[in-house]
């Protein structure tokens, strides 16, 4: 079993669960500020992320690993859509660079790679 892949899947479970929570809260902020389309977009995005969390958690269980509910670090929320977009784009850029390394580590484990 590839320990890097297992650790990566757990990181996704922890970090993406937090990101989904953040997007749900950001949706509420946008709704309160009158940005209904942005609110809907981020509410849907949060649900999509929760689906990915579930997939990764299920894969960890399939591999016989213990699933963890780890502590999450504080993340910002913003009332200004442009300020939020800048932050959210940077999170995505950083995450994609990290995910590229994890995907490479999982390429011989076809089920995890497909997850």
PDB file of N, CA and C in Angstrom:
ATOM      1  N   UNK A   1       0.838  -1.173   0.000  1.00  0.00           N
ATOM      2  CA  UNK A   1       0.000   0.000   0.000  1.00  0.00           C
ATOM      3  C   UNK A   1       0.891   1.247   0.000  1.00  0.00           C
ATOM      4  N   UNK A   2       0.599   2.184  -0.848  1.00  0.00           N
ATOM      5  CA  UNK A   2       1.390   3.403  -0.976  1.00  0.00           C
ATOM      6  C   UNK A   2       0.989   4.401   0.115  1.00  0.00           C
ATOM      7  N   UNK A   3       1.886   4.616   1.073  1.00  0.00           N
ATOM      8  CA  UNK A   3       1.594   5.511   2.197  1.00  0.00           C
ATOM      9  C   UNK A   3       1.356   6.955   1.754  1.00  0.00           C
ATOM     10  N   UNK A   4       2.032   7.375   0.680  1.00  0.00           N
ATOM     11  CA  UNK A   4       1.831   8.737   0.175  1.00  0.00           C
ATOM     12  C   UNK A   4       0.401   8.909  -0.333  1.00  0.00           C
ATOM     13  N   UNK A   5      -0.106   7.879  -1.001  1.00  0.00           N
ATOM     14  CA  UNK A   5      -1.471   7.939  -1.521  1.00  0.00           C
ATOM     15  C   UNK A   5      -2.473   7.942  -0.364  1.00  0.00           C
ATOM     16  N   UNK A   6      -2.259   7.096   0.611  1.00  0.00           N
ATOM     17  CA  UNK A   6      -3.159   7.040   1.772  1.00  0.00           C
ATOM     18  C   UNK A   6      -3.173   8.388   2.494  1.00  0.00           C
ATOM     19  N   UNK A   7      -2.000   8.944   2.735  1.00  0.00           N
ATOM     20  CA  UNK A   7      -1.916  10.252   3.393  1.00  0.00           C
ATOM     21  C   UNK A   7      -2.589  11.329   2.542  1.00  0.00           C
ATOM     22  N   UNK A   8      -2.409  11.234   1.232  1.00  0.00           N
ATOM     23  CA  UNK A   8      -3.034  12.198   0.330  1.00  0.00           C
ATOM     24  C   UNK A   8      -4.546  12.118   0.345  1.00  0.00           C
ATOM     25  N   UNK A   9      -5.073  10.907   0.341  1.00  0.00           N
ATOM     26  CA  UNK A   9      -6.530  10.747   0.408  1.00  0.00           C
ATOM     27  C   UNK A   9      -7.079  11.316   1.708  1.00  0.00           C
ATOM     28  N   UNK A  10      -6.374  11.087   2.825  1.00  0.00           N
ATOM     29  CA  UNK A  10      -6.827  11.644   4.097  1.00  0.00           C
ATOM     30  C   UNK A  10      -6.747  13.167   4.079  1.00  0.00           C
ATOM     31  N   UNK A  11      -5.713  13.704   3.463  1.00  0.00           N
ATOM     32  CA  UNK A  11      -5.608  15.160   3.341  1.00  0.00           C
ATOM     33  C   UNK A  11      -6.774  15.717   2.546  1.00  0.00           C
ATOM     34  N   UNK A  12      -7.138  15.037   1.474  1.00  0.00           N
ATOM     35  CA  UNK A  12      -8.293  15.479   0.686  1.00  0.00           C
ATOM     36  C   UNK A  12      -9.549  15.455   1.545  1.00  0.00           C
ATOM     37  N   UNK A  13      -9.750  14.365   2.290  1.00  0.00           N
ATOM     38  CA  UNK A  13     -10.934  14.276   3.150  1.00  0.00           C
ATOM     39  C   UNK A  13     -10.987  15.468   4.103  1.00  0.00           C
ATOM     40  N   UNK A  14      -9.883  15.755   4.756  1.00  0.00           N
ATOM     41  CA  UNK A  14      -9.845  16.843   5.736  1.00  0.00           C
ATOM     42  C   UNK A  14      -9.966  18.210   5.069  1.00  0.00           C
ATOM     43  N   UNK A  15      -9.101  18.475   4.108  1.00  0.00           N
ATOM     44  CA  UNK A  15      -9.041  19.817   3.520  1.00  0.00           C
ATOM     45  C   UNK A  15     -10.256  20.132   2.654  1.00  0.00           C
ATOM     46  N   UNK A  16     -10.715  19.157   1.888  1.00  0.00           N
ATOM     47  CA  UNK A  16     -11.853  19.426   1.013  1.00  0.00           C
ATOM     48  C   UNK A  16     -13.152  19.522   1.807  1.00  0.00           C
ATOM     49  N   UNK A  17     -13.244  18.793   2.922  1.00  0.00           N
ATOM     50  CA  UNK A  17     -14.419  18.952   3.790  1.00  0.00           C
ATOM     51  C   UNK A  17     -14.470  20.383   4.322  1.00  0.00           C
ATOM     52  N   UNK A  18     -13.304  20.904   4.705  1.00  0.00           N
ATOM     53  CA  UNK A  18     -13.271  22.286   5.180  1.00  0.00           C
ATOM     54  C   UNK A  18     -13.611  23.254   4.047  1.00  0.00           C
ATOM     55  N   UNK A  19     -13.081  22.985   2.880  1.00  0.00           N
ATOM     56  CA  UNK A  19     -13.364  23.869   1.755  1.00  0.00           C
ATOM     57  C   UNK A  19     -14.855  23.853   1.432  1.00  0.00           C
ATOM     58  N   UNK A  20     -15.481  22.688   1.512  1.00  0.00           N
ATOM     59  CA  UNK A  20     -16.923  22.598   1.275  1.00  0.00           C
ATOM     60  C   UNK A  20     -17.690  23.402   2.324  1.00  0.00           C
ATOM     61  N   UNK A  21     -17.272  23.290   3.589  1.00  0.00           N
ATOM     62  CA  UNK A  21     -17.908  24.089   4.637  1.00  0.00           C
ATOM     63  C   UNK A  21     -17.727  25.586   4.351  1.00  0.00           C
ATOM     64  N   UNK A  22     -16.527  25.962   3.944  1.00  0.00           N
ATOM     65  CA  UNK A  22     -16.256  27.360   3.620  1.00  0.00           C
ATOM     66  C   UNK A  22     -17.097  27.854   2.460  1.00  0.00           C
ATOM     67  N   UNK A  23     -17.241  27.017   1.444  1.00  0.00           N
ATOM     68  CA  UNK A  23     -18.057  27.423   0.296  1.00  0.00           C
ATOM     69  C   UNK A  23     -19.531  27.539   0.684  1.00  0.00           C
ATOM     70  N   UNK A  24     -19.996  26.671   1.575  1.00  0.00           N
ATOM     71  CA  UNK A  24     -21.380  26.782   2.047  1.00  0.00           C
ATOM     72  C   UNK A  24     -21.583  28.082   2.816  1.00  0.00           C
ATOM     73  N   UNK A  25     -20.632  28.400   3.705  1.00  0.00           N
ATOM     74  CA  UNK A  25     -20.725  29.655   4.460  1.00  0.00           C
ATOM     75  C   UNK A  25     -20.585  30.861   3.538  1.00  0.00           C
ATOM     76  N   UNK A  26     -19.686  30.762   2.568  1.00  0.00           N
ATOM     77  CA  UNK A  26     -19.513  31.858   1.617  1.00  0.00           C
ATOM     78  C   UNK A  26     -20.791  32.075   0.824  1.00  0.00           C
ATOM     79  N   UNK A  27     -21.486  30.988   0.502  1.00  0.00           N
ATOM     80  CA  UNK A  27     -22.774  31.082  -0.178  1.00  0.00           C
ATOM     81  C   UNK A  27     -23.770  31.896   0.647  1.00  0.00           C
ATOM     82  N   UNK A  28     -23.811  31.643   1.944  1.00  0.00           N
ATOM     83  CA  UNK A  28     -24.724  32.396   2.820  1.00  0.00           C
ATOM     84  C   UNK A  28     -24.355  33.874   2.877  1.00  0.00           C
ATOM     85  N   UNK A  29     -23.048  34.150   2.914  1.00  0.00           N
ATOM     86  CA  UNK A  29     -22.598  35.547   2.918  1.00  0.00           C
ATOM     87  C   UNK A  29     -23.012  36.231   1.626  1.00  0.00           C
ATOM     88  N   UNK A  30     -22.766  35.583   0.490  1.00  0.00           N
ATOM     89  CA  UNK A  30     -23.147  36.187  -0.790  1.00  0.00           C
ATOM     90  C   UNK A  30     -24.653  36.408  -0.863  1.00  0.00           C
ATOM     91  N   UNK A  31     -25.437  35.475  -0.375  1.00  0.00           N
ATOM     92  CA  UNK A  31     -26.897  35.639  -0.379  1.00  0.00           C
ATOM     93  C   UNK A  31     -27.305  36.850   0.465  1.00  0.00           C
ATOM     94  N   UNK A  32     -26.665  37.007   1.619  1.00  0.00           N
ATOM     95  CA  UNK A  32     -27.005  38.133   2.496  1.00  0.00           C
ATOM     96  C   UNK A  32     -26.603  39.474   1.892  1.00  0.00           C
ATOM     97  N   UNK A  33     -25.624  39.447   0.989  1.00  0.00           N
ATOM     98  CA  UNK A  33     -25.165  40.665   0.320  1.00  0.00           C
ATOM     99  C   UNK A  33     -25.913  40.924  -0.994  1.00  0.00           C
ATOM    100  N   UNK A  34     -26.857  40.035  -1.336  1.00  0.00           N
ATOM    101  CA  UNK A  34     -27.662  40.226  -2.544  1.00  0.00           C
ATOM    102  C   UNK A  34     -27.077  39.605  -3.805  1.00  0.00           C
ATOM    103  N   UNK A  35     -26.039  38.803  -3.674  1.00  0.00           N
ATOM    104  CA  UNK A  35     -25.419  38.149  -4.830  1.00  0.00           C
ATOM    105  C   UNK A  35     -25.984  36.731  -4.960  1.00  0.00           C
ATOM    106  N   UNK A  36     -27.230  36.634  -5.399  1.00  0.00           N
ATOM    107  CA  UNK A  36     -27.937  35.345  -5.394  1.00  0.00           C
ATOM    108  C   UNK A  36     -27.323  34.321  -6.342  1.00  0.00           C
ATOM    109  N   UNK A  37     -26.863  34.738  -7.500  1.00  0.00           N
ATOM    110  CA  UNK A  37     -26.247  33.774  -8.424  1.00  0.00           C
ATOM    111  C   UNK A  37     -24.946  33.214  -7.853  1.00  0.00           C
ATOM    112  N   UNK A  38     -24.140  34.067  -7.242  1.00  0.00           N
ATOM    113  CA  UNK A  38     -22.914  33.585  -6.592  1.00  0.00           C
ATOM    114  C   UNK A  38     -23.250  32.672  -5.416  1.00  0.00           C
ATOM    115  N   UNK A  39     -24.281  33.024  -4.684  1.00  0.00           N
ATOM    116  CA  UNK A  39     -24.703  32.186  -3.562  1.00  0.00           C
ATOM    117  C   UNK A  39     -25.082  30.793  -4.052  1.00  0.00           C
ATOM    118  N   UNK A  40     -25.861  30.733  -5.119  1.00  0.00           N
ATOM    119  CA  UNK A  40     -26.263  29.435  -5.675  1.00  0.00           C
ATOM    120  C   UNK A  40     -25.055  28.656  -6.182  1.00  0.00           C
ATOM    121  N   UNK A  41     -24.149  29.348  -6.863  1.00  0.00           N
ATOM    122  CA  UNK A  41     -22.960  28.690  -7.408  1.00  0.00           C
ATOM    123  C   UNK A  41     -22.133  28.049  -6.302  1.00  0.00           C
ATOM    124  N   UNK A  42     -21.909  28.781  -5.209  1.00  0.00           N
ATOM    125  CA  UNK A  42     -21.068  28.248  -4.139  1.00  0.00           C
ATOM    126  C   UNK A  42     -21.784  27.186  -3.310  1.00  0.00           C
ATOM    127  N   UNK A  43     -23.090  27.267  -3.204  1.00  0.00           N
ATOM    128  CA  UNK A  43     -23.841  26.202  -2.524  1.00  0.00           C
ATOM    129  C   UNK A  43     -23.728  24.901  -3.324  1.00  0.00           C
ATOM    130  N   UNK A  44     -23.852  24.997  -4.636  1.00  0.00           N
ATOM    131  CA  UNK A  44     -23.712  23.811  -5.493  1.00  0.00           C
ATOM    132  C   UNK A  44     -22.281  23.284  -5.456  1.00  0.00           C
ATOM    133  N   UNK A  45     -21.328  24.177  -5.454  1.00  0.00           N
ATOM    134  CA  UNK A  45     -19.920  23.791  -5.408  1.00  0.00           C
ATOM    135  C   UNK A  45     -19.623  23.033  -4.110  1.00  0.00           C
ATOM    136  N   UNK A  46     -20.191  23.490  -3.013  1.00  0.00           N
ATOM    137  CA  UNK A  46     -19.992  22.816  -1.728  1.00  0.00           C
ATOM    138  C   UNK A  46     -20.519  21.382  -1.781  1.00  0.00           C
ATOM    139  N   UNK A  47     -21.667  21.187  -2.395  1.00  0.00           N
ATOM    140  CA  UNK A  47     -22.231  19.839  -2.505  1.00  0.00           C
ATOM    141  C   UNK A  47     -21.349  18.946  -3.377  1.00  0.00           C
ATOM    142  N   UNK A  48     -20.831  19.509  -4.455  1.00  0.00           N
ATOM    143  CA  UNK A  48     -19.927  18.750  -5.328  1.00  0.00           C
ATOM    144  C   UNK A  48     -18.678  18.313  -4.546  1.00  0.00           C
ATOM    145  N   UNK A  49     -18.123  19.224  -3.774  1.00  0.00           N
ATOM    146  CA  UNK A  49     -16.932  18.907  -2.975  1.00  0.00           C
ATOM    147  C   UNK A  49     -17.227  17.827  -1.938  1.00  0.00           C
ATOM    148  N   UNK A  50     -18.403  17.880  -1.346  1.00  0.00           N
ATOM    149  CA  UNK A  50     -18.770  16.847  -0.370  1.00  0.00           C
ATOM    150  C   UNK A  50     -18.811  15.464  -1.042  1.00  0.00           C
ATOM    151  N   UNK A  51     -19.204  15.434  -2.306  1.00  0.00           N
ATOM    152  CA  UNK A  51     -19.185  14.174  -3.051  1.00  0.00           C
ATOM    153  C   UNK A  51     -17.771  13.640  -3.211  1.00  0.00           C
ATOM    154  N   UNK A  52     -16.813  14.511  -3.496  1.00  0.00           N
ATOM    155  CA  UNK A  52     -15.414  14.091  -3.614  1.00  0.00           C
ATOM    156  C   UNK A  52     -14.867  13.610  -2.271  1.00  0.00           C
ATOM    157  N   UNK A  53     -15.264  14.289  -1.206  1.00  0.00           N
ATOM    158  CA  UNK A  53     -14.842  13.861   0.134  1.00  0.00           C
ATOM    159  C   UNK A  53     -15.344  12.444   0.385  1.00  0.00           C
ATOM    160  N   UNK A  54     -16.585  12.202   0.043  1.00  0.00           N
ATOM    161  CA  UNK A  54     -17.174  10.875   0.238  1.00  0.00           C
ATOM    162  C   UNK A  54     -16.441   9.812  -0.573  1.00  0.00           C
ATOM    163  N   UNK A  55     -16.082  10.131  -1.814  1.00  0.00           N
ATOM    164  CA  UNK A  55     -15.353   9.180  -2.657  1.00  0.00           C
ATOM    165  C   UNK A  55     -13.993   8.832  -2.040  1.00  0.00           C
ATOM    166  N   UNK A  56     -13.281   9.846  -1.592  1.00  0.00           N
ATOM    167  CA  UNK A  56     -11.949   9.602  -1.009  1.00  0.00           C
ATOM    168  C   UNK A  56     -12.057   8.856   0.311  1.00  0.00           C
ATOM    169  N   UNK A  57     -13.052   9.193   1.122  1.00  0.00           N
ATOM    170  CA  UNK A  57     -13.249   8.493   2.386  1.00  0.00           C
ATOM    171  C   UNK A  57     -13.590   7.028   2.136  1.00  0.00           C
ATOM    172  N   UNK A  58     -14.437   6.779   1.167  1.00  0.00           N
ATOM    173  CA  UNK A  58     -14.802   5.408   0.817  1.00  0.00           C
ATOM    174  C   UNK A  58     -13.593   4.632   0.339  1.00  0.00           C
ATOM    175  N   UNK A  59     -12.731   5.255  -0.443  1.00  0.00           N
ATOM    176  CA  UNK A  59     -11.520   4.577  -0.923  1.00  0.00           C
ATOM    177  C   UNK A  59     -10.592   4.236   0.238  1.00  0.00           C
ATOM    178  N   UNK A  60     -10.446   5.145   1.191  1.00  0.00           N
ATOM    179  CA  UNK A  60      -9.629   4.848   2.365  1.00  0.00           C
ATOM    180  C   UNK A  60     -10.169   3.632   3.110  1.00  0.00           C
ATOM    181  N   UNK A  61     -11.468   3.577   3.270  1.00  0.00           N
ATOM    182  CA  UNK A  61     -12.078   2.424   3.942  1.00  0.00           C
ATOM    183  C   UNK A  61     -11.877   1.147   3.125  1.00  0.00           C
ATOM    184  N   UNK A  62     -11.997   1.248   1.793  1.00  0.00           N
ATOM    185  CA  UNK A  62     -11.745   0.097   0.921  1.00  0.00           C
ATOM    186  C   UNK A  62     -10.321  -0.433   1.096  1.00  0.00           C
ATOM    187  N   UNK A  63      -9.384   0.471   1.342  1.00  0.00           N
ATOM    188  CA  UNK A  63      -7.983   0.087   1.526  1.00  0.00           C
ATOM    189  C   UNK A  63      -7.699  -0.439   2.933  1.00  0.00           C
ATOM    190  N   UNK A  64      -8.733  -0.465   3.783  1.00  0.00           N
ATOM    191  CA  UNK A  64      -8.559  -0.968   5.140  1.00  0.00           C
ATOM    192  C   UNK A  64      -7.982   0.052   6.103  1.00  0.00           C
ATOM    193  N   UNK A  65      -8.019   1.314   5.726  1.00  0.00           N
ATOM    194  CA  UNK A  65      -7.450   2.380   6.558  1.00  0.00           C
ATOM    195  C   UNK A  65      -8.493   2.904   7.549  1.00  0.00           C
ATOM    196  N   UNK A  66      -7.994   3.473   8.636  1.00  0.00           N
ATOM    197  CA  UNK A  66      -8.861   4.172   9.567  1.00  0.00           C
ATOM    198  C   UNK A  66      -9.149   5.552   8.985  1.00  0.00           C
ATOM    199  N   UNK A  67     -10.390   5.929   8.990  1.00  0.00           N
ATOM    200  CA  UNK A  67     -10.790   7.251   8.541  1.00  0.00           C
ATOM    201  C   UNK A  67     -10.702   8.205   9.725  1.00  0.00           C
ATOM    202  N   UNK A  68     -10.184   9.400   9.499  1.00  0.00           N
ATOM    203  CA  UNK A  68      -9.976  10.357  10.582  1.00  0.00           C
ATOM    204  C   UNK A  68     -10.779  11.633  10.346  1.00  0.00           C
ATOM    205  N   UNK A  69     -11.253  12.196  11.422  1.00  0.00           N
ATOM    206  CA  UNK A  69     -11.849  13.530  11.395  1.00  0.00           C
ATOM    207  C   UNK A  69     -10.815  14.450  12.029  1.00  0.00           C
ATOM    208  N   UNK A  70      -9.957  15.010  11.183  1.00  0.00           N
ATOM    209  CA  UNK A  70      -8.816  15.781  11.658  1.00  0.00           C
ATOM    210  C   UNK A  70      -9.192  17.241  11.908  1.00  0.00           C
ATOM    211  N   UNK A  71      -8.377  17.897  12.707  1.00  0.00           N
ATOM    212  CA  UNK A  71      -8.553  19.318  12.967  1.00  0.00           C
ATOM    213  C   UNK A  71      -8.353  20.097  11.675  1.00  0.00           C
ATOM    214  N   UNK A  72      -9.092  21.152  11.563  1.00  0.00           N
ATOM    215  CA  UNK A  72      -9.008  21.984  10.364  1.00  0.00           C
ATOM    216  C   UNK A  72      -8.527  23.373  10.751  1.00  0.00           C
ATOM    217  N   UNK A  73      -7.676  23.940   9.902  1.00  0.00           N
ATOM    218  CA  UNK A  73      -7.174  25.284  10.187  1.00  0.00           C
ATOM    219  C   UNK A  73      -8.216  26.325   9.769  1.00  0.00           C
ATOM    220  N   UNK A  74      -8.101  27.480  10.354  1.00  0.00           N
ATOM    221  CA  UNK A  74      -9.012  28.577  10.032  1.00  0.00           C
ATOM    222  C   UNK A  74      -8.818  29.015   8.584  1.00  0.00           C
ATOM    223  N   UNK A  75      -9.908  29.383   7.938  1.00  0.00           N
ATOM    224  CA  UNK A  75      -9.857  29.880   6.561  1.00  0.00           C
ATOM    225  C   UNK A  75     -10.692  31.156   6.471  1.00  0.00           C
ATOM    226  N   UNK A  76     -10.312  32.061   5.591  1.00  0.00           N
ATOM    227  CA  UNK A  76     -11.035  33.332   5.493  1.00  0.00           C
ATOM    228  C   UNK A  76     -12.386  33.192   4.804  1.00  0.00           C
ATOM    229  N   UNK A  77     -13.261  34.125   5.104  1.00  0.00           N
ATOM    230  CA  UNK A  77     -14.516  34.330   4.393  1.00  0.00           C
ATOM    231  C   UNK A  77     -14.557  35.806   4.034  1.00  0.00           C
ATOM    232  N   UNK A  78     -15.230  36.141   2.939  1.00  0.00           N
ATOM    233  CA  UNK A  78     -15.188  37.518   2.436  1.00  0.00           C
ATOM    234  C   UNK A  78     -16.571  38.008   2.022  1.00  0.00           C
ATOM    235  N   UNK A  79     -16.847  39.274   2.261  1.00  0.00           N
ATOM    236  CA  UNK A  79     -18.092  39.874   1.780  1.00  0.00           C
ATOM    237  C   UNK A  79     -17.960  40.357   0.339  1.00  0.00           C
ATOM    238  N   UNK A  80     -16.755  40.693  -0.057  1.00  0.00           N
ATOM    239  CA  UNK A  80     -16.511  41.213  -1.406  1.00  0.00           C
ATOM    240  C   UNK A  80     -16.224  40.061  -2.371  1.00  0.00           C
ATOM    241  N   UNK A  81     -17.032  39.904  -3.424  1.00  0.00           N
ATOM    242  CA  UNK A  81     -16.827  38.800  -4.361  1.00  0.00           C
ATOM    243  C   UNK A  81     -15.436  38.781  -4.996  1.00  0.00           C
ATOM    244  N   UNK A  82     -14.891  39.929  -5.360  1.00  0.00           N
ATOM    245  CA  UNK A  82     -13.565  39.955  -5.998  1.00  0.00           C
ATOM    246  C   UNK A  82     -12.482  39.489  -5.027  1.00  0.00           C
ATOM    247  N   UNK A  83     -12.568  39.912  -3.790  1.00  0.00           N
ATOM    248  CA  UNK A  83     -11.611  39.480  -2.774  1.00  0.00           C
ATOM    249  C   UNK A  83     -11.692  37.956  -2.601  1.00  0.00           C
ATOM    250  N   UNK A  84     -12.920  37.441  -2.557  1.00  0.00           N
ATOM    251  CA  UNK A  84     -13.107  35.997  -2.418  1.00  0.00           C
ATOM    252  C   UNK A  84     -12.565  35.260  -3.641  1.00  0.00           C
ATOM    253  N   UNK A  85     -12.843  35.764  -4.827  1.00  0.00           N
ATOM    254  CA  UNK A  85     -12.393  35.098  -6.056  1.00  0.00           C
ATOM    255  C   UNK A  85     -10.870  34.990  -6.087  1.00  0.00           C
ATOM    256  N   UNK A  86     -10.179  36.031  -5.687  1.00  0.00           N
ATOM    257  CA  UNK A  86      -8.706  35.993  -5.659  1.00  0.00           C
ATOM    258  C   UNK A  86      -8.223  34.905  -4.703  1.00  0.00           C
ATOM    259  N   UNK A  87      -8.811  34.850  -3.549  1.00  0.00           N
ATOM    260  CA  UNK A  87      -8.430  33.833  -2.559  1.00  0.00           C
ATOM    261  C   UNK A  87      -8.733  32.433  -3.096  1.00  0.00           C
ATOM    262  N   UNK A  88      -9.927  32.251  -3.624  1.00  0.00           N
ATOM    263  CA  UNK A  88     -10.375  30.939  -4.080  1.00  0.00           C
ATOM    264  C   UNK A  88      -9.539  30.433  -5.257  1.00  0.00           C
ATOM    265  N   UNK A  89      -9.149  31.318  -6.150  1.00  0.00           N
ATOM    266  CA  UNK A  89      -8.296  30.929  -7.278  1.00  0.00           C
ATOM    267  C   UNK A  89      -6.929  30.456  -6.766  1.00  0.00           C
ATOM    268  N   UNK A  90      -6.380  31.150  -5.796  1.00  0.00           N
ATOM    269  CA  UNK A  90      -5.072  30.749  -5.261  1.00  0.00           C
ATOM    270  C   UNK A  90      -5.152  29.391  -4.563  1.00  0.00           C
ATOM    271  N   UNK A  91      -6.226  29.149  -3.836  1.00  0.00           N
ATOM    272  CA  UNK A  91      -6.415  27.843  -3.196  1.00  0.00           C
ATOM    273  C   UNK A  91      -6.456  26.748  -4.261  1.00  0.00           C
ATOM    274  N   UNK A  92      -7.157  27.018  -5.350  1.00  0.00           N
ATOM    275  CA  UNK A  92      -7.244  26.037  -6.438  1.00  0.00           C
ATOM    276  C   UNK A  92      -5.891  25.801  -7.088  1.00  0.00           C
ATOM    277  N   UNK A  93      -5.155  26.853  -7.348  1.00  0.00           N
ATOM    278  CA  UNK A  93      -3.826  26.703  -7.951  1.00  0.00           C
ATOM    279  C   UNK A  93      -2.910  25.870  -7.057  1.00  0.00           C
ATOM    280  N   UNK A  94      -2.893  26.193  -5.783  1.00  0.00           N
ATOM    281  CA  UNK A  94      -2.051  25.451  -4.842  1.00  0.00           C
ATOM    282  C   UNK A  94      -2.493  23.993  -4.759  1.00  0.00           C
ATOM    283  N   UNK A  95      -3.789  23.786  -4.714  1.00  0.00           N
ATOM    284  CA  UNK A  95      -4.323  22.432  -4.620  1.00  0.00           C
ATOM    285  C   UNK A  95      -4.040  21.602  -5.851  1.00  0.00           C
ATOM    286  N   UNK A  96      -4.120  22.203  -7.023  1.00  0.00           N
ATOM    287  CA  UNK A  96      -3.865  21.457  -8.253  1.00  0.00           C
ATOM    288  C   UNK A  96      -2.406  21.030  -8.362  1.00  0.00           C
ATOM    289  N   UNK A  97      -1.496  21.885  -7.926  1.00  0.00           N
ATOM    290  CA  UNK A  97      -0.077  21.514  -7.953  1.00  0.00           C
ATOM    291  C   UNK A  97       0.160  20.316  -7.035  1.00  0.00           C
ATOM    292  N   UNK A  98      -0.433  20.331  -5.863  1.00  0.00           N
ATOM    293  CA  UNK A  98      -0.302  19.221  -4.921  1.00  0.00           C
ATOM    294  C   UNK A  98      -0.985  17.963  -5.470  1.00  0.00           C
ATOM    295  N   UNK A  99      -2.165  18.131  -6.056  1.00  0.00           N
ATOM    296  CA  UNK A  99      -2.921  16.995  -6.585  1.00  0.00           C
ATOM    297  C   UNK A  99      -2.186  16.315  -7.738  1.00  0.00           C
ATOM    298  N   UNK A 100      -1.438  17.084  -8.506  1.00  0.00           N
ATOM    299  CA  UNK A 100      -0.650  16.497  -9.596  1.00  0.00           C
ATOM    300  C   UNK A 100       0.353  15.486  -9.036  1.00  0.00           C
ATOM    301  N   UNK A 101       1.002  15.831  -7.935  1.00  0.00           N
ATOM    302  CA  UNK A 101       1.955  14.915  -7.304  1.00  0.00           C
ATOM    303  C   UNK A 101       1.248  13.666  -6.770  1.00  0.00           C
ATOM    304  N   UNK A 102       0.091  13.848  -6.173  1.00  0.00           N
ATOM    305  CA  UNK A 102      -0.655  12.715  -5.630  1.00  0.00           C
ATOM    306  C   UNK A 102      -1.137  11.795  -6.758  1.00  0.00           C
ATOM    307  N   UNK A 103      -1.593  12.382  -7.841  1.00  0.00           N
ATOM    308  CA  UNK A 103      -2.052  11.592  -8.985  1.00  0.00           C
ATOM    309  C   UNK A 103      -0.916  10.745  -9.539  1.00  0.00           C
ATOM    310  N   UNK A 104       0.257  11.316  -9.609  1.00  0.00           N
ATOM    311  CA  UNK A 104       1.428  10.571 -10.068  1.00  0.00           C
ATOM    312  C   UNK A 104       1.727   9.402  -9.132  1.00  0.00           C
ATOM    313  N   UNK A 105       1.628   9.626  -7.829  1.00  0.00           N
ATOM    314  CA  UNK A 105       1.892   8.562  -6.851  1.00  0.00           C
ATOM    315  C   UNK A 105       0.850   7.444  -6.935  1.00  0.00           C
ATOM    316  N   UNK A 106      -0.360   7.771  -7.376  1.00  0.00           N
ATOM    317  CA  UNK A 106      -1.455   6.789  -7.426  1.00  0.00           C
ATOM    318  C   UNK A 106      -1.623   6.137  -8.796  1.00  0.00           C
ATOM    319  N   UNK A 107      -0.794   6.452  -9.742  1.00  0.00           N
ATOM    320  CA  UNK A 107      -1.040   5.991 -11.112  1.00  0.00           C
ATOM    321  C   UNK A 107      -1.007   4.482 -11.281  1.00  0.00           C
ATOM    322  N   UNK A 108      -0.330   3.750 -10.410  1.00  0.00           N
ATOM    323  CA  UNK A 108      -0.317   2.287 -10.505  1.00  0.00           C
ATOM    324  C   UNK A 108      -1.459   1.636  -9.721  1.00  0.00           C
ATOM    325  N   UNK A 109      -2.211   2.426  -8.986  1.00  0.00           N
ATOM    326  CA  UNK A 109      -3.378   1.938  -8.247  1.00  0.00           C
ATOM    327  C   UNK A 109      -4.593   2.480  -8.991  1.00  0.00           C
ATOM    328  N   UNK A 110      -5.081   1.699  -9.948  1.00  0.00           N
ATOM    329  CA  UNK A 110      -6.084   2.197 -10.885  1.00  0.00           C
ATOM    330  C   UNK A 110      -7.382   2.627 -10.203  1.00  0.00           C
ATOM    331  N   UNK A 111      -7.798   1.949  -9.170  1.00  0.00           N
ATOM    332  CA  UNK A 111      -9.036   2.337  -8.476  1.00  0.00           C
ATOM    333  C   UNK A 111      -8.874   3.681  -7.784  1.00  0.00           C
ATOM    334  N   UNK A 112      -7.738   3.880  -7.088  1.00  0.00           N
ATOM    335  CA  UNK A 112      -7.501   5.160  -6.442  1.00  0.00           C
ATOM    336  C   UNK A 112      -7.305   6.252  -7.492  1.00  0.00           C
ATOM    337  N   UNK A 113      -6.574   5.953  -8.535  1.00  0.00           N
ATOM    338  CA  UNK A 113      -6.337   6.923  -9.600  1.00  0.00           C
ATOM    339  C   UNK A 113      -7.653   7.416 -10.180  1.00  0.00           C
ATOM    340  N   UNK A 114      -8.618   6.505 -10.334  1.00  0.00           N
ATOM    341  CA  UNK A 114      -9.917   6.845 -10.888  1.00  0.00           C
ATOM    342  C   UNK A 114     -10.768   7.641  -9.899  1.00  0.00           C
ATOM    343  N   UNK A 115     -10.475   7.515  -8.601  1.00  0.00           N
ATOM    344  CA  UNK A 115     -11.229   8.216  -7.574  1.00  0.00           C
ATOM    345  C   UNK A 115     -10.953   9.699  -7.697  1.00  0.00           C
TER     346      UNK A 115
END
